[in-house]
Amino acid sequence: MKNRLLTAILSLVFTIGYTQGNNSLVAKKWPLEKAKTWYGMHDWIIGANFNPSTAINQLEMWQADTFDPETIDRELGYAEGIGFNTMRVYLHSLAYKADPKGFKTRVDRYLEIADKHGIKTIFVIFDDVWGKTPKIGKQPEPKPGIHNSGWVQDPGDPASKELKNFPELEMYVKDIINTFKNDNRVLMWDLYNEPGNSGKFSASVPLLEKVFIWAREVNPSQPLTAGIWQWSKKFQEVNEIQALNSDVITYHHYGEPEDHLKVINLLKTHGRPLVCTEYMARTRNSRFSNILQLLKEEHVGAINWGLVAGKSNTIYEWDTPIPSGEEPVEWFHDIFRKDGTPYRQDEVNLIKKVTSEN
């Protein structure tokens, strides 16, 4: 029943989407052949979502006082050592607003470090997940044993729904993308992470549409995308906008291999390259051992959640806090401890084996 329902929902979402895809915004999307040519120019995309272990969230990563190039360099070295070639990295509009020039300088510095390690970057612009009220300045300390206790939305809630904020957000989006629009260290622009999350549903549609419009007006050399992450009918409108406006189809999946393959096969009906920009939740049976080879065989890019365990606390499961802060029996996300020791050597061995065939 579960699998039949998933298939029915996905089929409905994407059939309806195709019949309504004749607006002027969609018309500016890359032609299929351009997207395929772009994908073919790159090695198989493999890597992780990256936040340095010393940062609890995007603001702590990017603000001047806590920007930590030494840790970034060391931890991207761990990624290089296992053959990763891509990191997905969240930006934040408040860090830009506080210091536009300095923010862009730090982004460039990050790209220098990543490039030194042979790593390209997918930058994420907006985000609807976790803390609703981001604030510039000193960030909170992690709450023991709680997954992403300090992660923040961008621009926040209700900030993302308030039209009065859009001119300032437009300036941010256009400046950032324009600054790096021809930079080959940037692989792709992921314009909005999980729009509609945190109970927003279709309330995120206006900003989602606008960020595609703003980015198209800049017309970067890199593809635009926004990853599909939720399959229920409540997200039908959001899913249509994401799928129909993305040059490359990206998606998130933290479930069983059988369900993951069904999603891949349905998304392939768009005829565009696929990149899974979030997967790997061990306690939900989304593991390197059963997903990584599947993604490679299906020619789907593979970006797992988490590189180094740190202040984000993503070794803990979403809904299973451990208030004592002791290490869980099984890590939820992440690959390395801070000193570069693998959580599981067999996983690192598998990753190295797969990437050596790249």
Foldseek 3Di string as FASTA:
>chain_A
DVLVVLLVLLVVLVVVLVVPLPDPLLVLFDPQVVQVVLLVVDDFAEAAADDFQQDLEQQLCQAPVRPDVVSLLVLLLLGLVLQHAEYEYEHALVSCVVPVVSSLVSVVSSLVSSVVSNHAYAYEYWEDDDAQDDDHDDFDFFQFQAFSNGYYTHVGPPLLLDPVCVVSSLVVLLVNCLVCLAPPSHAEYAYYEPPCPPPCQCSNVVVLVVSSVSNSVSPGPHWYAHAAEDRDPSNSVVVSSRLSNGNAYEYEDAAAPVSVVSVLVSSCVSVGAYEHQEYFFVVRHTHCVRPVVVCVVSSYHYYYYAAENHRSSQQHDNPDGDSVNDRDPGGGDYFYYSVSHGPDPVSSVSSSVVSVVD
